[in-house]
Amino acid sequence: MAPPAKAITSPVPDAWYPTLAVAMLAIGLVVTASFFIYEATSSKRNRSLAKELTTGGVASVFLGFGSLFLLLSAGVYV
């Protein structure tokens, strides 16, 4: 007979969800704001595609995980 299966648990404690949501969303919004400021203040000649992609990617990751932890802290398990 097979041993009983272990329950799947989160690698992050449930109590950390709201804190992680606020921190990651705040970081994501700050990086997004810096991206918009960079786009508005630099001329087309001085822009760097690598910097734009890096900044956009970092902002996207932080906003995505921040949204995930916000949903988890609200009880919407995705």
C-alpha atoms as a PDB file:
ATOM      1  CA  MET A   1       0.000   0.000   0.000  1.00  0.00           C
ATOM      2  CA  ALA A   2       1.264   3.480  -0.873  1.00  0.00           C
ATOM      3  CA  PRO A   3       2.092   5.938   1.913  1.00  0.00           C
ATOM      4  CA  PRO A   4      -0.353   8.819   2.366  1.00  0.00           C
ATOM      5  CA  ALA A   5       0.338  11.840   0.165  1.00  0.00           C
ATOM      6  CA  LYS A   6       1.811  15.002   1.656  1.00  0.00           C
ATOM      7  CA  ALA A   7      -0.327  18.105   1.474  1.00  0.00           C
ATOM      8  CA  ILE A   8       0.859  20.839  -0.856  1.00  0.00           C
ATOM      9  CA  THR A   9       1.908  23.915   1.087  1.00  0.00           C
ATOM     10  CA  SER A  10       3.057  27.351   0.078  1.00  0.00           C
ATOM     11  CA  PRO A  11       6.779  28.117   0.283  1.00  0.00           C
ATOM     12  CA  VAL A  12       5.827  31.542   1.674  1.00  0.00           C
ATOM     13  CA  PRO A  13       3.886  31.783   4.956  1.00  0.00           C
ATOM     14  CA  ASP A  14       0.330  33.094   4.598  1.00  0.00           C
ATOM     15  CA  ALA A  15       1.020  35.936   7.035  1.00  0.00           C
ATOM     16  CA  TRP A  16       3.588  37.411   4.634  1.00  0.00           C
ATOM     17  CA  TYR A  17       1.162  37.808   1.701  1.00  0.00           C
ATOM     18  CA  PRO A  18      -0.040  41.363   2.497  1.00  0.00           C
ATOM     19  CA  THR A  19       3.481  42.603   3.244  1.00  0.00           C
ATOM     20  CA  LEU A  20       4.880  41.076   0.074  1.00  0.00           C
ATOM     21  CA  ALA A  21       1.993  42.502  -1.948  1.00  0.00           C
ATOM     22  CA  VAL A  22       2.539  46.055  -0.704  1.00  0.00           C
ATOM     23  CA  ALA A  23       6.332  45.878  -1.035  1.00  0.00           C
ATOM     24  CA  MET A  24       6.355  44.377  -4.523  1.00  0.00           C
ATOM     25  CA  LEU A  25       3.645  46.674  -5.850  1.00  0.00           C
ATOM     26  CA  ALA A  26       5.469  49.701  -4.427  1.00  0.00           C
ATOM     27  CA  ILE A  27       8.764  48.641  -6.015  1.00  0.00           C
ATOM     28  CA  GLY A  28       6.998  47.926  -9.307  1.00  0.00           C
ATOM     29  CA  LEU A  29       5.321  51.331  -9.334  1.00  0.00           C
ATOM     30  CA  VAL A  30       8.606  53.107  -8.573  1.00  0.00           C
ATOM     31  CA  VAL A  31      10.375  51.271 -11.404  1.00  0.00           C
ATOM     32  CA  THR A  32       7.444  52.017 -13.726  1.00  0.00           C
ATOM     33  CA  ALA A  33       7.628  55.704 -12.798  1.00  0.00           C
ATOM     34  CA  SER A  34      11.366  55.748 -13.514  1.00  0.00           C
ATOM     35  CA  PHE A  35      10.657  54.127 -16.891  1.00  0.00           C
ATOM     36  CA  PHE A  36       8.128  56.829 -17.784  1.00  0.00           C
ATOM     37  CA  ILE A  37      10.473  59.585 -16.628  1.00  0.00           C
ATOM     38  CA  TYR A  38      13.287  58.083 -18.716  1.00  0.00           C
ATOM     39  CA  GLU A  39      11.034  57.941 -21.776  1.00  0.00           C
ATOM     40  CA  ALA A  40       9.763  61.489 -21.330  1.00  0.00           C
ATOM     41  CA  THR A  41      13.120  63.147 -20.664  1.00  0.00           C
ATOM     42  CA  SER A  42      15.496  61.389 -23.074  1.00  0.00           C
ATOM     43  CA  SER A  43      15.707  62.205 -26.743  1.00  0.00           C
ATOM     44  CA  LYS A  44      15.248  59.520 -29.379  1.00  0.00           C
ATOM     45  CA  ARG A  45      18.981  59.573 -30.088  1.00  0.00           C
ATOM     46  CA  ASN A  46      19.998  58.936 -26.479  1.00  0.00           C
ATOM     47  CA  ARG A  47      17.598  56.083 -25.698  1.00  0.00           C
ATOM     48  CA  SER A  48      18.922  52.600 -25.069  1.00  0.00           C
ATOM     49  CA  LEU A  49      16.812  49.604 -26.026  1.00  0.00           C
ATOM     50  CA  ALA A  50      18.583  47.430 -23.450  1.00  0.00           C
ATOM     51  CA  LYS A  51      17.779  49.881 -20.643  1.00  0.00           C
ATOM     52  CA  GLU A  52      14.152  50.132 -21.757  1.00  0.00           C
ATOM     53  CA  LEU A  53      13.711  46.353 -21.915  1.00  0.00           C
ATOM     54  CA  THR A  54      15.465  45.815 -18.583  1.00  0.00           C
ATOM     55  CA  THR A  55      13.441  48.473 -16.788  1.00  0.00           C
ATOM     56  CA  GLY A  56      10.195  47.272 -18.332  1.00  0.00           C
ATOM     57  CA  GLY A  57      10.963  43.651 -17.470  1.00  0.00           C
ATOM     58  CA  VAL A  58      11.836  44.421 -13.853  1.00  0.00           C
ATOM     59  CA  ALA A  59       8.696  46.520 -13.428  1.00  0.00           C
ATOM     60  CA  SER A  60       6.590  43.780 -15.005  1.00  0.00           C
ATOM     61  CA  VAL A  61       7.974  41.083 -12.707  1.00  0.00           C
ATOM     62  CA  PHE A  62       7.437  43.129  -9.550  1.00  0.00           C
ATOM     63  CA  LEU A  63       3.931  44.243 -10.553  1.00  0.00           C
ATOM     64  CA  GLY A  64       3.013  40.688 -11.554  1.00  0.00           C
ATOM     65  CA  PHE A  65       4.165  39.083  -8.310  1.00  0.00           C
ATOM     66  CA  GLY A  66       2.716  41.988  -6.319  1.00  0.00           C
ATOM     67  CA  SER A  67      -0.660  41.404  -7.952  1.00  0.00           C
ATOM     68  CA  LEU A  68      -0.383  37.681  -7.262  1.00  0.00           C
ATOM     69  CA  PHE A  69       0.298  38.219  -3.551  1.00  0.00           C
ATOM     70  CA  LEU A  70      -2.482  40.828  -3.403  1.00  0.00           C
ATOM     71  CA  LEU A  71      -4.944  38.284  -4.749  1.00  0.00           C
ATOM     72  CA  LEU A  72      -3.626  35.612  -2.379  1.00  0.00           C
ATOM     73  CA  SER A  73      -3.943  37.931   0.622  1.00  0.00           C
ATOM     74  CA  ALA A  74      -7.538  38.703  -0.393  1.00  0.00           C
ATOM     75  CA  GLY A  75      -8.354  35.005  -0.437  1.00  0.00           C
ATOM     76  CA  VAL A  76      -8.463  34.524  -4.205  1.00  0.00           C
ATOM     77  CA  TYR A  77      -6.284  31.462  -4.660  1.00  0.00           C
ATOM     78  CA  VAL A  78      -4.981  31.373  -8.208  1.00  0.00           C
END
